[in-house]
Protein backbone atom coordinates (compact mmCIF):
# COMPACT_ATOMS: atom_id res chain seq x y z
CA MET A 1 8.24 -55.39 23.53
CA LEU A 2 5.66 -54.94 26.63
CA ALA A 3 6.31 -55.65 30.25
CA PRO A 4 4.17 -58.36 31.81
CA PRO A 5 0.82 -57.19 32.75
CA PRO A 6 0.81 -55.59 36.29
CA SER A 7 -2.76 -57.20 37.15
CA VAL A 8 -5.08 -59.61 36.56
CA GLU A 9 -7.34 -57.31 34.68
CA ALA A 10 -4.27 -56.24 32.26
CA ILE A 11 -3.97 -60.10 31.88
CA HIS A 12 -7.50 -60.49 30.65
CA LEU A 13 -7.06 -57.53 28.35
CA LEU A 14 -3.62 -58.84 26.80
CA LEU A 15 -5.05 -62.24 26.14
CA ALA A 16 -8.45 -61.00 24.64
CA GLN A 17 -6.60 -58.99 22.16
CA GLY A 18 -5.11 -62.23 21.12
CA ARG A 19 -8.47 -63.52 20.96
CA TYR A 20 -8.03 -65.95 23.98
CA VAL A 21 -10.73 -66.21 26.58
CA CYS A 22 -9.76 -67.24 29.97
CA ASP A 23 -11.42 -67.08 33.43
CA LYS A 24 -9.97 -65.15 36.44
CA ALA A 25 -8.62 -68.60 37.90
CA LEU A 26 -6.21 -68.57 34.97
CA ALA A 27 -5.61 -65.12 34.71
CA THR A 28 -4.73 -64.83 38.23
CA THR A 29 -2.32 -67.97 38.07
CA LEU A 30 -0.67 -66.48 35.05
CA HIS A 31 -0.19 -63.10 36.51
CA LEU A 32 1.37 -64.69 39.51
CA ALA A 33 3.72 -66.74 37.41
CA LEU A 34 5.10 -63.69 35.69
CA SER A 35 5.25 -61.71 38.69
CA LEU A 36 7.20 -64.27 40.84
CA SER A 37 9.16 -65.39 37.67
CA ARG A 38 7.97 -68.95 37.97
CA PRO A 39 7.45 -71.64 35.18
CA LEU A 40 3.54 -72.22 34.58
CA LEU A 41 2.56 -75.95 34.61
CA ILE A 42 -0.87 -76.21 32.87
CA GLU A 43 -2.77 -79.61 32.53
CA GLY A 44 -5.84 -80.61 30.97
CA LYS A 45 -7.62 -82.63 28.00
CA VAL A 46 -6.39 -82.08 24.47
CA GLY A 47 -7.99 -78.80 22.90
CA VAL A 48 -8.61 -77.01 25.87
CA GLY A 49 -6.43 -73.94 25.20
CA LYS A 50 -2.99 -74.94 26.79
CA THR A 51 -0.85 -74.14 23.87
CA ALA A 52 -3.04 -71.50 22.56
CA LEU A 53 -2.31 -69.47 25.97
CA ALA A 54 1.55 -69.32 24.99
CA ARG A 55 0.68 -68.17 21.64
CA ALA A 56 -1.45 -65.64 22.78
CA LEU A 57 0.95 -64.52 25.86
CA ALA A 58 3.76 -64.19 23.34
CA SER A 59 2.00 -62.38 20.69
CA GLY A 60 0.45 -60.01 22.96
CA LEU A 61 3.88 -59.33 24.87
CA GLY A 62 5.91 -58.91 21.29
CA ARG A 63 8.24 -61.79 22.55
CA ARG A 64 9.52 -64.75 20.36
CA LEU A 65 7.77 -67.77 20.98
CA VAL A 66 10.02 -70.95 21.22
CA ALA A 67 8.47 -74.04 21.28
CA LEU A 68 9.63 -77.46 22.19
CA HIS A 69 7.12 -80.28 21.38
CA CYS A 70 7.99 -83.21 23.30
CA HIS A 71 7.54 -87.05 22.29
CA GLU A 72 8.44 -90.46 23.35
CA GLY A 73 12.13 -90.62 23.18
CA ILE A 74 13.21 -87.05 22.89
CA ASP A 75 16.61 -86.42 23.70
CA LEU A 76 19.35 -83.85 24.00
CA ALA A 77 19.95 -83.61 20.34
CA SER A 78 16.50 -82.46 19.40
CA ALA A 79 15.62 -80.42 22.51
CA VAL A 80 18.85 -78.69 23.50
CA TYR A 81 21.67 -78.68 20.76
CA GLU A 82 23.66 -80.71 18.54
CA TRP A 83 26.77 -80.03 16.31
CA ASN A 84 26.24 -79.27 12.65
CA VAL A 85 28.15 -82.36 11.48
CA PRO A 86 28.33 -81.91 7.66
CA ALA A 87 29.44 -78.53 8.26
CA GLN A 88 32.10 -79.45 10.21
CA LEU A 89 33.26 -82.02 7.46
CA LEU A 90 32.89 -79.47 4.93
CA ALA A 91 35.27 -77.12 6.63
CA LEU A 92 37.73 -79.97 7.19
CA ARG A 93 37.85 -80.88 3.58
CA LEU A 94 38.29 -77.22 2.60
CA LEU A 95 41.12 -77.29 4.95
CA GLN A 96 42.70 -80.40 3.31
CA SER A 97 42.52 -78.88 -0.21
CA LYS A 98 44.51 -76.22 0.42
CA LYS A 99 48.53 -76.94 -0.13
CA SER A 100 49.26 -74.61 2.83
CA VAL A 101 47.35 -73.56 6.00
CA THR A 102 48.20 -70.66 8.20
CA PRO A 103 47.05 -71.13 12.00
CA ASP A 104 44.66 -68.28 11.69
CA GLU A 105 42.88 -70.34 8.72
CA THR A 106 42.30 -73.26 11.02
CA PRO A 107 38.78 -73.66 11.69
CA GLU A 108 37.36 -73.87 15.25
CA LEU A 109 35.06 -76.84 14.74
CA PHE A 110 33.59 -76.84 18.07
CA SER A 111 32.83 -73.06 18.00
CA PRO A 112 29.51 -71.68 18.22
CA ARG A 113 29.07 -71.44 14.44
CA TYR A 114 28.91 -75.19 14.22
CA LEU A 115 26.33 -75.24 17.17
CA ILE A 116 22.80 -76.17 16.28
CA ARG A 117 20.39 -74.53 19.09
CA ARG A 118 17.56 -76.43 19.83
CA PRO A 119 14.49 -75.02 21.74
CA LEU A 120 16.20 -74.93 25.21
CA LEU A 121 19.35 -73.48 24.13
CA GLU A 122 17.66 -71.06 21.95
CA ALA A 123 15.37 -70.08 24.69
CA LEU A 124 18.66 -68.50 26.47
CA ARG A 125 19.75 -66.50 23.64
CA PRO A 126 19.35 -62.69 24.40
CA ASP A 127 16.86 -60.70 22.17
CA THR A 128 16.28 -57.05 21.98
CA SER A 129 12.43 -57.79 22.29
CA GLY A 130 13.25 -59.36 25.90
CA ALA A 131 13.10 -62.83 26.88
CA PRO A 132 11.14 -65.16 24.88
CA VAL A 133 7.92 -67.34 25.98
CA LEU A 134 9.40 -70.72 26.21
CA LEU A 135 6.50 -73.36 25.60
CA ILE A 136 7.41 -76.97 26.83
CA ASP A 137 4.75 -78.56 25.03
CA GLU A 138 3.18 -81.92 26.27
CA VAL A 139 5.88 -82.94 28.80
CA ASP A 140 3.74 -85.88 29.73
CA ARG A 141 4.89 -87.50 26.48
CA ALA A 142 8.81 -87.37 27.49
CA ASP A 143 10.24 -89.96 29.75
CA PRO A 144 11.07 -89.42 33.51
CA ALA A 145 14.66 -89.06 32.39
CA PHE A 146 14.07 -86.07 30.08
CA GLU A 147 11.72 -84.41 32.63
CA ALA A 148 14.28 -84.33 35.07
CA TYR A 149 16.88 -82.58 32.70
CA VAL A 150 14.03 -80.02 32.13
CA LEU A 151 13.78 -79.68 36.08
CA GLU A 152 17.62 -79.11 36.08
CA PHE A 153 17.25 -76.47 33.11
CA LEU A 154 14.57 -74.88 34.71
CA ALA A 155 16.45 -74.17 37.96
CA GLU A 156 19.61 -72.44 36.53
CA PHE A 157 18.39 -71.51 33.02
CA ALA A 158 21.85 -72.66 31.63
CA VAL A 159 23.24 -75.25 29.56
CA SER A 160 26.79 -76.89 29.46
CA VAL A 161 28.23 -77.69 26.09
CA PRO A 162 31.41 -79.68 26.88
CA GLU A 163 33.00 -78.51 23.59
CA ALA A 164 32.01 -74.65 23.88
CA GLY A 165 31.49 -73.87 27.32
CA ARG A 166 28.60 -73.01 29.49
CA PHE A 167 25.47 -70.70 28.21
CA GLU A 168 23.32 -68.66 30.48
CA ALA A 169 20.33 -66.56 30.21
CA THR A 170 20.80 -63.02 31.09
CA GLU A 171 17.10 -62.76 31.32
CA PRO A 172 15.13 -65.98 32.18
CA PRO A 173 12.54 -66.94 29.65
CA ILE A 174 8.74 -66.88 30.21
CA VAL A 175 7.91 -70.58 30.66
CA ILE A 176 5.03 -72.33 29.86
CA ILE A 177 4.63 -76.19 30.28
CA THR A 178 1.70 -78.29 29.18
CA SER A 179 0.34 -81.95 29.89
CA ASN A 180 -2.15 -83.75 28.64
CA GLN A 181 -2.28 -85.90 31.64
CA THR A 182 -1.20 -89.21 29.74
CA ARG A 183 0.88 -90.04 32.60
CA PRO A 184 1.41 -88.01 36.06
CA VAL A 185 4.30 -85.52 35.77
CA SER A 186 6.50 -85.82 38.93
CA ASP A 187 5.87 -84.07 42.24
CA ALA A 188 9.28 -82.44 41.85
CA LEU A 189 8.23 -80.64 38.57
CA LYS A 190 4.98 -79.54 40.07
CA ARG A 191 6.67 -78.07 43.12
CA ARG A 192 9.08 -75.92 40.76
CA CYS A 193 5.96 -74.47 38.65
CA LEU A 194 2.63 -72.34 39.58
CA TYR A 195 0.14 -75.05 38.49
CA HIS A 196 -3.27 -74.75 36.62
CA PHE A 197 -5.72 -77.09 35.37
CA ILE A 198 -7.95 -76.06 32.71
CA ALA A 199 -11.23 -77.85 32.37
CA ALA A 200 -13.43 -78.34 29.56
CA PRO A 201 -15.21 -75.32 28.85
CA ASP A 202 -19.22 -75.08 29.74
CA ALA A 203 -21.55 -74.01 26.79
CA ALA A 204 -21.23 -70.41 27.68
CA THR A 205 -17.43 -70.39 27.78
CA GLU A 206 -17.39 -72.52 24.68
CA ARG A 207 -19.50 -69.99 22.98
CA ALA A 208 -17.60 -67.05 23.89
CA ILE A 209 -14.40 -68.75 22.49
CA LEU A 210 -16.15 -69.41 19.13
CA GLU A 211 -16.99 -65.82 18.91
CA ALA A 212 -13.47 -64.70 19.82
CA ARG A 213 -11.65 -67.07 17.56
CA ALA A 214 -14.13 -67.47 14.54
CA PRO A 215 -14.76 -63.54 13.63
CA GLY A 216 -17.10 -64.48 11.02
CA ALA A 217 -19.50 -66.42 13.07
CA ILE A 218 -22.93 -64.99 13.53
CA GLU A 219 -23.94 -64.60 17.32
CA ARG A 220 -27.03 -67.02 16.73
CA LEU A 221 -25.33 -69.59 14.60
CA SER A 222 -22.52 -69.75 16.93
CA GLN A 223 -25.09 -70.69 19.60
CA ALA A 224 -26.65 -73.09 17.33
CA VAL A 225 -23.35 -74.75 16.64
CA VAL A 226 -22.55 -75.08 20.29
CA ASP A 227 -25.98 -76.57 21.07
CA ALA A 228 -26.01 -78.73 18.10
CA VAL A 229 -22.63 -80.36 18.63
CA ARG A 230 -23.45 -81.19 22.30
CA ARG A 231 -26.92 -82.77 21.22
CA VAL A 232 -25.21 -84.95 18.48
CA GLN A 233 -22.51 -85.88 20.73
CA LYS A 234 -24.90 -86.79 23.84
CA SER A 235 -27.45 -88.36 21.69
CA SER A 236 -24.90 -90.55 19.86
CA ASN A 237 -23.06 -91.38 23.14
CA ALA A 238 -19.82 -90.09 21.60
CA GLU A 239 -16.77 -89.29 22.96
CA LEU A 240 -17.47 -85.16 23.61
CA GLY A 241 -14.96 -83.37 21.39
CA ASN A 242 -13.41 -80.14 22.59
CA VAL A 243 -13.18 -76.24 21.56
CA ALA A 244 -11.00 -76.92 18.47
CA ASP A 245 -13.71 -79.23 16.98
CA ALA A 246 -16.35 -76.70 17.67
CA MET A 247 -14.29 -74.05 15.96
CA ALA A 248 -13.54 -76.15 13.12
CA TRP A 249 -17.18 -76.87 12.34
CA THR A 250 -18.36 -73.36 12.74
CA ASN A 251 -15.91 -71.96 10.47
CA THR A 252 -16.72 -75.03 7.83
CA LEU A 253 -20.54 -74.34 8.07
CA PHE A 254 -19.69 -70.52 6.96
CA HIS A 255 -17.50 -71.87 3.94
CA ILE A 256 -20.64 -73.72 2.94
CA ASP A 257 -23.61 -71.99 1.30
CA ARG A 258 -25.69 -71.69 4.56
CA THR A 259 -29.06 -71.20 2.63
CA GLU A 260 -28.51 -74.60 1.12
CA LEU A 261 -27.76 -76.57 4.02
CA ASP A 262 -29.16 -80.20 4.13
CA PRO A 263 -28.50 -83.74 5.98
CA ASP A 264 -26.04 -84.84 3.36
CA ARG A 265 -23.75 -81.71 3.74
CA VAL A 266 -23.56 -81.66 7.17
CA SER A 267 -23.01 -85.56 7.46
CA ALA A 268 -20.00 -84.79 5.33
CA ILE A 269 -18.41 -82.55 7.96
CA LEU A 270 -19.55 -84.70 11.14
CA ASN A 271 -15.93 -86.11 11.43
CA LEU A 272 -14.96 -82.87 12.43
CA ILE A 273 -16.83 -83.68 15.79
CA LEU A 274 -17.09 -87.01 15.96
CA LYS A 275 -13.55 -88.96 16.24
CA TYR A 276 -14.57 -92.45 15.61
CA GLN A 277 -16.46 -94.13 12.78
CA ASP A 278 -18.68 -95.90 15.40
CA ASP A 279 -19.68 -92.45 16.52
CA MET A 280 -20.28 -91.26 13.10
CA LEU A 281 -22.38 -94.14 12.19
CA ARG A 282 -24.51 -93.88 15.47
CA ALA A 283 -24.83 -90.11 14.96
CA GLU A 284 -26.27 -90.05 11.26
CA GLY A 285 -29.93 -90.07 10.96
CA ALA A 286 -32.41 -88.59 13.08
CA GLU A 287 -29.76 -86.58 14.81
CA VAL A 288 -28.02 -84.94 11.72
CA GLY A 289 -31.63 -83.99 10.93
CA GLU A 290 -32.32 -82.21 14.01
CA VAL A 291 -28.83 -80.53 13.66
CA VAL A 292 -30.06 -79.47 10.25
CA LYS A 293 -33.53 -78.39 11.60
CA ARG A 294 -32.03 -76.11 14.23
CA ILE A 295 -29.47 -74.47 12.02
CA ARG A 296 -32.00 -73.84 9.30
CA ALA A 297 -34.31 -71.97 12.07
CA GLU A 298 -31.28 -69.70 13.19
CA VAL A 299 -30.62 -68.94 9.42
CA ALA A 300 -34.11 -68.16 8.75
CA ALA A 301 -34.45 -65.98 11.75
CA MET A 302 -31.27 -64.03 10.99
CA GLU A 303 -32.34 -63.46 7.51
CA ALA A 304 -35.62 -62.11 8.61
CA THR A 305 -34.00 -59.42 10.68
């Protein structure tokens, strides 16, 4: 277990060790969130690295990552706790099978033994490695009522279970909340958290991310992938992909025999960067030829050096 980094520069170093690339603004906001023990709310489009930040932070600090993935209709049973009803029924049947039972043998059906801890309750559990990193992922997918419960949870870091009592955190977890902006989150939640918006990376940042996350990528080819992805997407008027798409395409190119790349092979993997059938149909043809031409030139240059 490591203590939270004492400076913005230390945040940069910690995340870089986990192959996560961030700018100074994000590192500063994360440093403040850790120093002030405030939740961090991160918004941005899918694939810009919101969830990956929580994973990199937990790994770098040597803490458990407890993840709550929100969805429409999420309730307390899937987010906080529920009782292990099959185990309770089994205990009752075993009790009924005995001819005589002493008071000491009577099971406590609503004891912690039969309590299933879901992510929010699990995040309160003490750990020798320190308080966990609690990721509340895609909170915008949950309804406002559940968001209100999350806000109450963040205020006390405690959960009351009517049959078993109150559970409190001896050390509050490090909380990272993400939103894809499918709906506005409440002003109350924004006030409770420190806020940061992650924009889609520019070409230079995307290249740095590719080189960090795809260690097998050769420098020149990673630049070729970034340029090629952008050229195909723009020339076909397709919806721009994200960092995850470019990473997947880079790794795919390296799993293909790069000395035999041809338009047919590149067309076969276009679905990794173009999300809709119409986009793929518009892109196939001259644009694919340009992608192959650029990659062939980069490969030839690498082999000549």
